[in-house]
C-alpha cells in the first residue's frame, strides 16, 4: 500500500508551520480515518494557519466560518430562498458543503449553532426543509477552540465533542522553533507560495486503503479493554461511548499506514488513547475540583491494562 502521499503532505505543511510535526501527523491520521479534529489552545499559536495549510496542500474546496455569538444554524448549513420568477424555493448552500471546513473559534457560538454541525459531521449530509443534500468527499471539519476559561466562550455539548475523532493541543514553540519561525516569516509569508501536493480523489482512495490495514484480535481486545475501563473508573462520571472504540481503531489504522506498516501495533493504540478519548470522558465533580485532568486518568488506565504480545 502506498501511503507516501501522507508523508508528502506533512512535509509540505512543515515548510510553513514550524515545530508541529506531531500535530501534523495526527491531522493526517484523522484525514485517513475519515474523522474530524478539534484544535484547542490559546490564541496565536497557529491553529488557523495549520488548518489553512492543510486545506491548501490537498487542493480540495475549502470554506471558513468565523463562529460568533450571533451566528445562526442556517449560516452554517444553508437555507431555501423563494424565487419570484420561477415560483419555487431555491437552495442556497452553506459553507458546510465543502471538502475541508475550518470552524474557527467554534466555542464562541451558542450551543444551538454548534449543534448545526452534528448531522454533517456524522452522516456527511445536511437536511434543509425535509430535503437531504450529500456533502463532497472527503469531508473534514477542523474546528479551533479557545480554552473555556477565556471570556465569551460556550462549552461544546458532549454530543458535539463525541463527533470529533481527535482533540489536539498545539502548545507554545520552544526557543529554537520560535527563532526559525521569525526567520521564515521575516520577509515573506511562505503560506502564499504553498502549493498543493494532493487532490480530493487521492485522499478518498487513501481512506479506502486505510480500511485494509490489519488489526488483529488481540489488538482489538486491547482497544475494548481500554474503553471499557473508562466506563468503570471511580474518577469518571461518564466513560467513552462505542464511538470512541471505533475511533481508536480507525485512528490506529491511520497511524500504522503513515508509518509504513500494513498492520496495527499496540504502541499505535497507546499513542492515540489520549487524543482520541480525553474529550469523550467526563470527570466526577470531586476530580474536577481537585484539578485532575482526563489525560491523567487515561495514563493510569493504560499503565494497568496488559499490552498484547
C-alpha atoms as a PDB file:
ATOM      1  CA  UNK A   1       0.000   0.000   0.000  1.00  0.00           C
ATOM      2  CA  UNK A   2       1.317   3.434  -0.910  1.00  0.00           C
ATOM      3  CA  UNK A   3       0.794   5.947   1.874  1.00  0.00           C
ATOM      4  CA  UNK A   4       3.809   8.084   0.947  1.00  0.00           C
ATOM      5  CA  UNK A   5       1.359  10.803  -0.069  1.00  0.00           C
ATOM      6  CA  UNK A   6       0.502  11.338   3.592  1.00  0.00           C
ATOM      7  CA  UNK A   7       4.145  11.960   4.454  1.00  0.00           C
ATOM      8  CA  UNK A   8       4.428  14.282   1.466  1.00  0.00           C
ATOM      9  CA  UNK A   9       1.514  16.385   2.758  1.00  0.00           C
ATOM     10  CA  UNK A  10       3.150  16.636   6.204  1.00  0.00           C
ATOM     11  CA  UNK A  11       6.464  17.721   4.676  1.00  0.00           C
ATOM     12  CA  UNK A  12       4.678  20.285   2.538  1.00  0.00           C
ATOM     13  CA  UNK A  13       2.954  21.897   5.521  1.00  0.00           C
ATOM     14  CA  UNK A  14       6.197  21.802   7.523  1.00  0.00           C
ATOM     15  CA  UNK A  15       7.583  24.295   5.011  1.00  0.00           C
ATOM     16  CA  UNK A  16       5.283  26.861   6.599  1.00  0.00           C
ATOM     17  CA  UNK A  17       4.469  25.615  10.096  1.00  0.00           C
ATOM     18  CA  UNK A  18       7.452  25.204  12.430  1.00  0.00           C
ATOM     19  CA  UNK A  19       7.851  22.505  15.078  1.00  0.00           C
ATOM     20  CA  UNK A  20       4.404  20.888  14.881  1.00  0.00           C
ATOM     21  CA  UNK A  21       5.274  17.553  13.271  1.00  0.00           C
ATOM     22  CA  UNK A  22       3.397  15.592  15.935  1.00  0.00           C
ATOM     23  CA  UNK A  23       0.226  17.631  15.428  1.00  0.00           C
ATOM     24  CA  UNK A  24       0.558  17.350  11.649  1.00  0.00           C
ATOM     25  CA  UNK A  25       0.843  13.570  11.887  1.00  0.00           C
ATOM     26  CA  UNK A  26      -2.356  13.489  13.940  1.00  0.00           C
ATOM     27  CA  UNK A  27      -4.138  15.672  11.376  1.00  0.00           C
ATOM     28  CA  UNK A  28      -3.217  13.199   8.645  1.00  0.00           C
ATOM     29  CA  UNK A  29      -4.329  10.321  10.867  1.00  0.00           C
ATOM     30  CA  UNK A  30      -7.755  11.983  11.130  1.00  0.00           C
ATOM     31  CA  UNK A  31      -7.852  12.535   7.380  1.00  0.00           C
ATOM     32  CA  UNK A  32      -7.061   8.880   6.628  1.00  0.00           C
ATOM     33  CA  UNK A  33      -9.571   7.726   9.257  1.00  0.00           C
ATOM     34  CA  UNK A  34     -12.292   9.967   7.776  1.00  0.00           C
ATOM     35  CA  UNK A  35     -12.641  11.806  11.095  1.00  0.00           C
ATOM     36  CA  UNK A  36     -12.746  15.361  12.388  1.00  0.00           C
ATOM     37  CA  UNK A  37     -10.312  17.315  14.549  1.00  0.00           C
ATOM     38  CA  UNK A  38     -10.734  19.773  17.401  1.00  0.00           C
ATOM     39  CA  UNK A  39      -7.693  22.037  17.851  1.00  0.00           C
ATOM     40  CA  UNK A  40      -7.719  23.603  21.306  1.00  0.00           C
ATOM     41  CA  UNK A  41      -5.197  26.140  22.544  1.00  0.00           C
ATOM     42  CA  UNK A  42      -4.714  29.774  23.433  1.00  0.00           C
ATOM     43  CA  UNK A  43      -4.939  32.349  20.600  1.00  0.00           C
ATOM     44  CA  UNK A  44      -1.898  32.911  18.411  1.00  0.00           C
ATOM     45  CA  UNK A  45      -0.183  29.509  18.405  1.00  0.00           C
ATOM     46  CA  UNK A  46      -1.047  28.669  14.776  1.00  0.00           C
ATOM     47  CA  UNK A  47      -4.359  26.794  14.915  1.00  0.00           C
ATOM     48  CA  UNK A  48      -5.859  28.619  11.935  1.00  0.00           C
ATOM     49  CA  UNK A  49      -2.593  28.647   9.944  1.00  0.00           C
ATOM     50  CA  UNK A  50      -2.072  24.895  10.252  1.00  0.00           C
ATOM     51  CA  UNK A  51      -5.640  24.284   9.090  1.00  0.00           C
ATOM     52  CA  UNK A  52      -5.331  26.587   6.080  1.00  0.00           C
ATOM     53  CA  UNK A  53      -2.039  24.939   5.115  1.00  0.00           C
ATOM     54  CA  UNK A  54      -3.640  21.500   5.181  1.00  0.00           C
ATOM     55  CA  UNK A  55      -6.534  22.676   3.015  1.00  0.00           C
ATOM     56  CA  UNK A  56      -4.195  24.280   0.507  1.00  0.00           C
ATOM     57  CA  UNK A  57      -1.945  21.216   0.388  1.00  0.00           C
ATOM     58  CA  UNK A  58      -4.767  18.860  -0.571  1.00  0.00           C
ATOM     59  CA  UNK A  59      -6.353  21.135  -3.191  1.00  0.00           C
ATOM     60  CA  UNK A  60      -9.901  20.441  -2.103  1.00  0.00           C
ATOM     61  CA  UNK A  61     -12.643  23.014  -1.755  1.00  0.00           C
ATOM     62  CA  UNK A  62     -12.181  24.999   1.433  1.00  0.00           C
ATOM     63  CA  UNK A  63     -14.538  27.161   3.464  1.00  0.00           C
ATOM     64  CA  UNK A  64     -14.032  29.028   6.703  1.00  0.00           C
ATOM     65  CA  UNK A  65     -16.685  30.013   9.238  1.00  0.00           C
ATOM     66  CA  UNK A  66     -15.866  32.506  11.963  1.00  0.00           C
ATOM     67  CA  UNK A  67     -18.092  31.380  14.811  1.00  0.00           C
ATOM     68  CA  UNK A  68     -19.600  34.267  16.793  1.00  0.00           C
ATOM     69  CA  UNK A  69     -22.492  34.518  19.297  1.00  0.00           C
ATOM     70  CA  UNK A  70     -24.863  35.866  16.620  1.00  0.00           C
ATOM     71  CA  UNK A  71     -24.127  33.117  14.050  1.00  0.00           C
ATOM     72  CA  UNK A  72     -27.268  31.140  13.139  1.00  0.00           C
ATOM     73  CA  UNK A  73     -27.563  27.449  12.110  1.00  0.00           C
ATOM     74  CA  UNK A  74     -28.676  28.482   8.606  1.00  0.00           C
ATOM     75  CA  UNK A  75     -25.411  30.422   8.249  1.00  0.00           C
ATOM     76  CA  UNK A  76     -23.644  27.058   8.511  1.00  0.00           C
ATOM     77  CA  UNK A  77     -25.882  24.604   6.670  1.00  0.00           C
ATOM     78  CA  UNK A  78     -27.626  26.850   4.116  1.00  0.00           C
ATOM     79  CA  UNK A  79     -31.260  27.777   3.524  1.00  0.00           C
ATOM     80  CA  UNK A  80     -34.037  27.949   0.916  1.00  0.00           C
ATOM     81  CA  UNK A  81     -34.838  31.242  -0.813  1.00  0.00           C
ATOM     82  CA  UNK A  82     -38.095  31.880  -2.664  1.00  0.00           C
ATOM     83  CA  UNK A  83     -37.518  32.803  -6.309  1.00  0.00           C
ATOM     84  CA  UNK A  84     -40.362  35.038  -7.564  1.00  0.00           C
ATOM     85  CA  UNK A  85     -39.617  34.341 -11.240  1.00  0.00           C
ATOM     86  CA  UNK A  86     -39.871  30.573 -11.031  1.00  0.00           C
ATOM     87  CA  UNK A  87     -42.283  30.476  -8.112  1.00  0.00           C
ATOM     88  CA  UNK A  88     -40.057  27.892  -6.395  1.00  0.00           C
ATOM     89  CA  UNK A  89     -37.686  27.743  -3.464  1.00  0.00           C
ATOM     90  CA  UNK A  90     -34.001  27.570  -4.398  1.00  0.00           C
ATOM     91  CA  UNK A  91     -31.418  26.076  -2.061  1.00  0.00           C
ATOM     92  CA  UNK A  92     -28.557  28.374  -1.139  1.00  0.00           C
ATOM     93  CA  UNK A  93     -25.798  26.045   0.112  1.00  0.00           C
ATOM     94  CA  UNK A  94     -23.990  26.984   3.290  1.00  0.00           C
ATOM     95  CA  UNK A  95     -20.226  26.808   3.789  1.00  0.00           C
ATOM     96  CA  UNK A  96     -20.529  23.274   5.209  1.00  0.00           C
ATOM     97  CA  UNK A  97     -20.827  21.909   1.648  1.00  0.00           C
ATOM     98  CA  UNK A  98     -17.083  21.712   1.063  1.00  0.00           C
ATOM     99  CA  UNK A  99     -14.177  19.270   1.373  1.00  0.00           C
ATOM    100  CA  UNK A 100     -12.467  20.971   4.295  1.00  0.00           C
ATOM    101  CA  UNK A 101     -14.344  23.214   6.704  1.00  0.00           C
ATOM    102  CA  UNK A 102     -12.486  25.435   9.133  1.00  0.00           C
ATOM    103  CA  UNK A 103     -14.825  26.129  12.043  1.00  0.00           C
ATOM    104  CA  UNK A 104     -12.827  28.922  13.623  1.00  0.00           C
ATOM    105  CA  UNK A 105     -13.340  29.508  17.358  1.00  0.00           C
ATOM    106  CA  UNK A 106     -16.305  27.133  17.385  1.00  0.00           C
ATOM    107  CA  UNK A 107     -16.948  27.646  21.093  1.00  0.00           C
ATOM    108  CA  UNK A 108     -17.732  31.330  20.610  1.00  0.00           C
ATOM    109  CA  UNK A 109     -21.079  30.379  19.029  1.00  0.00           C
ATOM    110  CA  UNK A 110     -24.168  29.475  21.042  1.00  0.00           C
ATOM    111  CA  UNK A 111     -24.866  25.717  21.530  1.00  0.00           C
ATOM    112  CA  UNK A 112     -27.748  25.771  19.021  1.00  0.00           C
ATOM    113  CA  UNK A 113     -25.384  26.868  16.255  1.00  0.00           C
ATOM    114  CA  UNK A 114     -22.647  24.473  17.353  1.00  0.00           C
ATOM    115  CA  UNK A 115     -25.151  21.614  17.086  1.00  0.00           C
ATOM    116  CA  UNK A 116     -25.970  22.520  13.487  1.00  0.00           C
ATOM    117  CA  UNK A 117     -22.807  20.626  12.508  1.00  0.00           C
ATOM    118  CA  UNK A 118     -23.886  17.338  14.103  1.00  0.00           C
ATOM    119  CA  UNK A 119     -25.629  15.831  11.070  1.00  0.00           C
ATOM    120  CA  UNK A 120     -22.862  16.957   8.719  1.00  0.00           C
ATOM    121  CA  UNK A 121     -20.077  15.511  10.848  1.00  0.00           C
ATOM    122  CA  UNK A 122     -21.717  12.140  11.470  1.00  0.00           C
ATOM    123  CA  UNK A 123     -23.795  11.440   8.347  1.00  0.00           C
ATOM    124  CA  UNK A 124     -21.949  13.567   5.746  1.00  0.00           C
ATOM    125  CA  UNK A 125     -25.140  15.341   4.715  1.00  0.00           C
ATOM    126  CA  UNK A 126     -27.362  18.316   5.532  1.00  0.00           C
ATOM    127  CA  UNK A 127     -31.155  18.316   5.632  1.00  0.00           C
ATOM    128  CA  UNK A 128     -32.992  21.545   4.825  1.00  0.00           C
ATOM    129  CA  UNK A 129     -36.802  21.666   4.935  1.00  0.00           C
ATOM    130  CA  UNK A 130     -37.004  17.889   4.606  1.00  0.00           C
ATOM    131  CA  UNK A 131     -34.607  17.572   1.666  1.00  0.00           C
ATOM    132  CA  UNK A 132     -31.199  15.974   2.104  1.00  0.00           C
ATOM    133  CA  UNK A 133     -28.033  17.169   0.376  1.00  0.00           C
ATOM    134  CA  UNK A 134     -24.896  14.953   0.397  1.00  0.00           C
ATOM    135  CA  UNK A 135     -21.545  16.555   1.237  1.00  0.00           C
ATOM    136  CA  UNK A 136     -18.479  16.300  -1.012  1.00  0.00           C
ATOM    137  CA  UNK A 137     -15.899  13.561  -0.408  1.00  0.00           C
ATOM    138  CA  UNK A 138     -13.693  13.738   1.506  1.00  0.00           C
ATOM    139  CA  UNK A 139     -15.311  15.908   4.184  1.00  0.00           C
ATOM    140  CA  UNK A 140     -13.237  17.071   7.128  1.00  0.00           C
ATOM    141  CA  UNK A 141     -14.124  19.537   9.888  1.00  0.00           C
ATOM    142  CA  UNK A 142     -11.163  21.202  11.541  1.00  0.00           C
ATOM    143  CA  UNK A 143     -12.526  23.208  14.441  1.00  0.00           C
ATOM    144  CA  UNK A 144     -10.420  25.566  16.516  1.00  0.00           C
ATOM    145  CA  UNK A 145     -11.348  26.280  20.104  1.00  0.00           C
ATOM    146  CA  UNK A 146     -10.070  28.645  22.744  1.00  0.00           C
ATOM    147  CA  UNK A 147      -9.760  27.246  26.281  1.00  0.00           C
ATOM    148  CA  UNK A 148     -13.093  27.506  28.077  1.00  0.00           C
ATOM    149  CA  UNK A 149     -11.586  29.741  30.746  1.00  0.00           C
ATOM    150  CA  UNK A 150     -11.437  32.610  28.257  1.00  0.00           C
ATOM    151  CA  UNK A 151     -14.305  35.113  28.194  1.00  0.00           C
ATOM    152  CA  UNK A 152     -17.123  34.828  25.668  1.00  0.00           C
ATOM    153  CA  UNK A 153     -16.939  31.050  25.157  1.00  0.00           C
ATOM    154  CA  UNK A 154     -19.627  28.350  25.345  1.00  0.00           C
ATOM    155  CA  UNK A 155     -18.510  24.794  26.206  1.00  0.00           C
ATOM    156  CA  UNK A 156     -19.244  22.330  23.401  1.00  0.00           C
ATOM    157  CA  UNK A 157     -22.068  19.861  24.196  1.00  0.00           C
ATOM    158  CA  UNK A 158     -20.922  16.297  24.901  1.00  0.00           C
ATOM    159  CA  UNK A 159     -22.713  15.056  21.760  1.00  0.00           C
ATOM    160  CA  UNK A 160     -20.739  17.556  19.686  1.00  0.00           C
ATOM    161  CA  UNK A 161     -17.408  16.634  21.287  1.00  0.00           C
ATOM    162  CA  UNK A 162     -18.041  12.955  20.604  1.00  0.00           C
ATOM    163  CA  UNK A 163     -18.178  13.681  16.851  1.00  0.00           C
ATOM    164  CA  UNK A 164     -14.528  14.743  16.839  1.00  0.00           C
ATOM    165  CA  UNK A 165     -12.143  11.869  16.263  1.00  0.00           C
ATOM    166  CA  UNK A 166      -9.190  13.711  17.807  1.00  0.00           C
ATOM    167  CA  UNK A 167      -8.613  16.624  20.124  1.00  0.00           C
ATOM    168  CA  UNK A 168      -5.181  18.216  19.730  1.00  0.00           C
ATOM    169  CA  UNK A 169      -3.362  20.945  21.640  1.00  0.00           C
ATOM    170  CA  UNK A 170      -0.531  22.650  19.737  1.00  0.00           C
ATOM    171  CA  UNK A 171       1.292  24.301  22.639  1.00  0.00           C
ATOM    172  CA  UNK A 172       3.861  27.076  22.550  1.00  0.00           C
ATOM    173  CA  UNK A 173       7.006  26.642  20.396  1.00  0.00           C
ATOM    174  CA  UNK A 174      10.351  26.306  22.133  1.00  0.00           C
ATOM    175  CA  UNK A 175      13.015  28.982  21.709  1.00  0.00           C
ATOM    176  CA  UNK A 176      14.754  27.358  18.708  1.00  0.00           C
ATOM    177  CA  UNK A 177      11.437  26.803  16.896  1.00  0.00           C
ATOM    178  CA  UNK A 178      10.309  30.365  17.521  1.00  0.00           C
ATOM    179  CA  UNK A 179      13.597  31.731  16.161  1.00  0.00           C
ATOM    180  CA  UNK A 180      13.169  29.647  12.986  1.00  0.00           C
ATOM    181  CA  UNK A 181       9.610  30.969  12.666  1.00  0.00           C
ATOM    182  CA  UNK A 182      10.785  34.578  12.928  1.00  0.00           C
ATOM    183  CA  UNK A 183      13.432  33.992  10.274  1.00  0.00           C
ATOM    184  CA  UNK A 184      10.998  32.206   7.957  1.00  0.00           C
ATOM    185  CA  UNK A 185       8.391  34.970   8.145  1.00  0.00           C
ATOM    186  CA  UNK A 186      10.802  37.921   8.269  1.00  0.00           C
ATOM    187  CA  UNK A 187      10.492  38.960   4.620  1.00  0.00           C
ATOM    188  CA  UNK A 188       7.752  36.853   3.071  1.00  0.00           C
ATOM    189  CA  UNK A 189       4.761  34.769   4.058  1.00  0.00           C
ATOM    190  CA  UNK A 190       5.560  31.169   2.969  1.00  0.00           C
ATOM    191  CA  UNK A 191       1.853  30.320   3.032  1.00  0.00           C
ATOM    192  CA  UNK A 192       1.323  32.446  -0.093  1.00  0.00           C
ATOM    193  CA  UNK A 193       3.614  30.252  -2.178  1.00  0.00           C
ATOM    194  CA  UNK A 194       2.464  26.936  -0.680  1.00  0.00           C
ATOM    195  CA  UNK A 195       1.326  24.561  -3.436  1.00  0.00           C
ATOM    196  CA  UNK A 196      -0.950  21.534  -3.441  1.00  0.00           C
ATOM    197  CA  UNK A 197       0.622  18.069  -3.405  1.00  0.00           C
ATOM    198  CA  UNK A 198      -2.613  16.017  -3.431  1.00  0.00           C
ATOM    199  CA  UNK A 199      -6.213  16.172  -4.596  1.00  0.00           C
ATOM    200  CA  UNK A 200      -9.573  15.020  -3.135  1.00  0.00           C
ATOM    201  CA  UNK A 201      -9.732  11.861  -5.245  1.00  0.00           C
ATOM    202  CA  UNK A 202      -6.331  10.721  -3.993  1.00  0.00           C
ATOM    203  CA  UNK A 203      -7.428  11.346  -0.408  1.00  0.00           C
ATOM    204  CA  UNK A 204     -10.618   9.334  -0.882  1.00  0.00           C
ATOM    205  CA  UNK A 205      -8.538   6.460  -2.281  1.00  0.00           C
ATOM    206  CA  UNK A 206      -6.227   6.625   0.748  1.00  0.00           C
ATOM    207  CA  UNK A 207      -9.218   6.454   3.065  1.00  0.00           C
ATOM    208  CA  UNK A 208     -10.314   3.260   1.351  1.00  0.00           C
ATOM    209  CA  UNK A 209      -6.794   1.795   1.560  1.00  0.00           C
ATOM    210  CA  UNK A 210      -6.641   2.590   5.281  1.00  0.00           C
ATOM    211  CA  UNK A 211      -9.514   0.169   5.847  1.00  0.00           C
ATOM    212  CA  UNK A 212      -7.270  -2.660   4.606  1.00  0.00           C
ATOM    213  CA  UNK A 213      -4.734  -2.152   7.412  1.00  0.00           C
ATOM    214  CA  UNK A 214      -4.763  -5.347   9.503  1.00  0.00           C
ATOM    215  CA  UNK A 215      -5.833  -5.099  13.136  1.00  0.00           C
ATOM    216  CA  UNK A 216      -5.529  -8.413  14.973  1.00  0.00           C
ATOM    217  CA  UNK A 217      -7.989  -9.815  17.518  1.00  0.00           C
ATOM    218  CA  UNK A 218      -5.608  -9.205  20.495  1.00  0.00           C
ATOM    219  CA  UNK A 219      -5.213  -5.536  19.481  1.00  0.00           C
ATOM    220  CA  UNK A 220      -8.983  -5.167  19.088  1.00  0.00           C
ATOM    221  CA  UNK A 221      -9.382  -6.655  22.559  1.00  0.00           C
ATOM    222  CA  UNK A 222      -6.775  -4.208  23.888  1.00  0.00           C
ATOM    223  CA  UNK A 223      -8.843  -1.311  22.490  1.00  0.00           C
ATOM    224  CA  UNK A 224     -12.077  -2.571  24.026  1.00  0.00           C
ATOM    225  CA  UNK A 225     -10.380  -3.170  27.393  1.00  0.00           C
ATOM    226  CA  UNK A 226      -9.121   0.432  27.476  1.00  0.00           C
ATOM    227  CA  UNK A 227     -12.508   1.896  26.552  1.00  0.00           C
ATOM    228  CA  UNK A 228     -14.358  -0.379  28.997  1.00  0.00           C
ATOM    229  CA  UNK A 229     -12.021   0.769  31.784  1.00  0.00           C
ATOM    230  CA  UNK A 230     -13.159   4.367  31.260  1.00  0.00           C
ATOM    231  CA  UNK A 231     -16.757   3.307  31.933  1.00  0.00           C
ATOM    232  CA  UNK A 232     -15.914   1.685  35.277  1.00  0.00           C
ATOM    233  CA  UNK A 233     -13.348   4.126  36.641  1.00  0.00           C
ATOM    234  CA  UNK A 234     -14.185   5.658  40.008  1.00  0.00           C
ATOM    235  CA  UNK A 235     -12.912   9.098  38.953  1.00  0.00           C
ATOM    236  CA  UNK A 236     -15.151   9.296  35.883  1.00  0.00           C
ATOM    237  CA  UNK A 237     -18.840  10.171  35.789  1.00  0.00           C
ATOM    238  CA  UNK A 238     -19.121   9.011  32.173  1.00  0.00           C
ATOM    239  CA  UNK A 239     -16.726   6.905  30.119  1.00  0.00           C
ATOM    240  CA  UNK A 240     -16.264   6.716  26.379  1.00  0.00           C
ATOM    241  CA  UNK A 241     -19.045   5.591  24.062  1.00  0.00           C
ATOM    242  CA  UNK A 242     -18.592   2.811  21.456  1.00  0.00           C
ATOM    243  CA  UNK A 243     -17.837   5.620  19.006  1.00  0.00           C
ATOM    244  CA  UNK A 244     -14.603   6.034  20.959  1.00  0.00           C
ATOM    245  CA  UNK A 245     -13.704   2.374  20.355  1.00  0.00           C
ATOM    246  CA  UNK A 246     -14.323   2.733  16.639  1.00  0.00           C
ATOM    247  CA  UNK A 247     -12.379   5.978  16.555  1.00  0.00           C
ATOM    248  CA  UNK A 248      -9.403   4.433  18.343  1.00  0.00           C
ATOM    249  CA  UNK A 249      -9.371   1.516  15.903  1.00  0.00           C
ATOM    250  CA  UNK A 250      -9.607   3.685  12.781  1.00  0.00           C
ATOM    251  CA  UNK A 251      -7.060   6.209  14.050  1.00  0.00           C
ATOM    252  CA  UNK A 252      -4.633   3.368  14.869  1.00  0.00           C
ATOM    253  CA  UNK A 253      -5.016   2.066  11.318  1.00  0.00           C
ATOM    254  CA  UNK A 254      -4.255   5.551  10.001  1.00  0.00           C
ATOM    255  CA  UNK A 255      -1.144   5.912  12.178  1.00  0.00           C
ATOM    256  CA  UNK A 256       0.145   2.488  11.142  1.00  0.00           C
ATOM    257  CA  UNK A 257      -0.353   3.432   7.489  1.00  0.00           C
ATOM    258  CA  UNK A 258       1.548   6.706   7.858  1.00  0.00           C
ATOM    259  CA  UNK A 259       4.424   4.802   9.419  1.00  0.00           C
ATOM    260  CA  UNK A 260       4.602   2.383   6.518  1.00  0.00           C
ATOM    261  CA  UNK A 261       3.039  -0.687   8.103  1.00  0.00           C
ATOM    262  CA  UNK A 262       0.161  -2.837   6.904  1.00  0.00           C
ATOM    263  CA  UNK A 263      -0.784  -3.810  10.477  1.00  0.00           C
ATOM    264  CA  UNK A 264      -1.543  -2.058  13.788  1.00  0.00           C
ATOM    265  CA  UNK A 265       0.760  -2.398  16.810  1.00  0.00           C
ATOM    266  CA  UNK A 266      -0.338  -1.935  20.445  1.00  0.00           C
ATOM    267  CA  UNK A 267       2.019   1.069  20.565  1.00  0.00           C
ATOM    268  CA  UNK A 268      -0.110   2.751  17.873  1.00  0.00           C
ATOM    269  CA  UNK A 269      -3.133   2.367  20.121  1.00  0.00           C
ATOM    270  CA  UNK A 270      -1.285   3.618  23.225  1.00  0.00           C
ATOM    271  CA  UNK A 271      -0.096   6.750  21.419  1.00  0.00           C
ATOM    272  CA  UNK A 272      -3.632   7.634  20.330  1.00  0.00           C
ATOM    273  CA  UNK A 273      -5.563   6.924  23.538  1.00  0.00           C
ATOM    274  CA  UNK A 274      -5.252  10.497  24.838  1.00  0.00           C
ATOM    275  CA  UNK A 275      -6.121  12.449  21.670  1.00  0.00           C
ATOM    276  CA  UNK A 276      -8.985  10.053  20.844  1.00  0.00           C
ATOM    277  CA  UNK A 277     -10.538   9.551  24.293  1.00  0.00           C
ATOM    278  CA  UNK A 278      -9.671  12.516  26.539  1.00  0.00           C
ATOM    279  CA  UNK A 279     -12.529  14.661  25.220  1.00  0.00           C
ATOM    280  CA  UNK A 280     -15.020  11.772  25.426  1.00  0.00           C
ATOM    281  CA  UNK A 281     -14.800  11.164  29.180  1.00  0.00           C
ATOM    282  CA  UNK A 282     -16.293  13.282  31.952  1.00  0.00           C
ATOM    283  CA  UNK A 283     -14.713  13.565  35.390  1.00  0.00           C
ATOM    284  CA  UNK A 284     -16.668  13.480  38.627  1.00  0.00           C
ATOM    285  CA  UNK A 285     -17.149  16.855  40.312  1.00  0.00           C
ATOM    286  CA  UNK A 286     -14.679  15.878  43.037  1.00  0.00           C
ATOM    287  CA  UNK A 287     -11.957  15.145  40.495  1.00  0.00           C
ATOM    288  CA  UNK A 288     -12.624  18.401  38.667  1.00  0.00           C
ATOM    289  CA  UNK A 289     -12.278  20.369  41.895  1.00  0.00           C
ATOM    290  CA  UNK A 290      -9.034  18.572  42.733  1.00  0.00           C
ATOM    291  CA  UNK A 291      -7.526  19.663  39.410  1.00  0.00           C
ATOM    292  CA  UNK A 292      -7.369  16.194  37.917  1.00  0.00           C
ATOM    293  CA  UNK A 293      -7.105  16.062  34.096  1.00  0.00           C
ATOM    294  CA  UNK A 294      -8.701  13.442  31.810  1.00  0.00           C
ATOM    295  CA  UNK A 295      -5.271  12.694  30.340  1.00  0.00           C
ATOM    296  CA  UNK A 296      -4.003  11.654  33.799  1.00  0.00           C
ATOM    297  CA  UNK A 297      -6.867   9.193  34.211  1.00  0.00           C
ATOM    298  CA  UNK A 298      -6.125   7.699  30.785  1.00  0.00           C
ATOM    299  CA  UNK A 299      -2.421   7.377  31.626  1.00  0.00           C
ATOM    300  CA  UNK A 300      -3.350   5.414  34.744  1.00  0.00           C
ATOM    301  CA  UNK A 301      -5.701   3.158  32.731  1.00  0.00           C
ATOM    302  CA  UNK A 302      -3.012   2.476  30.109  1.00  0.00           C
ATOM    303  CA  UNK A 303      -0.448   1.625  32.785  1.00  0.00           C
ATOM    304  CA  UNK A 304      -2.574  -1.150  34.328  1.00  0.00           C
ATOM    305  CA  UNK A 305      -4.032  -2.849  31.227  1.00  0.00           C
ATOM    306  CA  UNK A 306      -1.815  -5.656  29.891  1.00  0.00           C
ATOM    307  CA  UNK A 307      -0.320  -4.984  26.485  1.00  0.00           C
ATOM    308  CA  UNK A 308      -0.839  -7.832  23.998  1.00  0.00           C
ATOM    309  CA  UNK A 309       2.238  -9.583  22.610  1.00  0.00           C
END
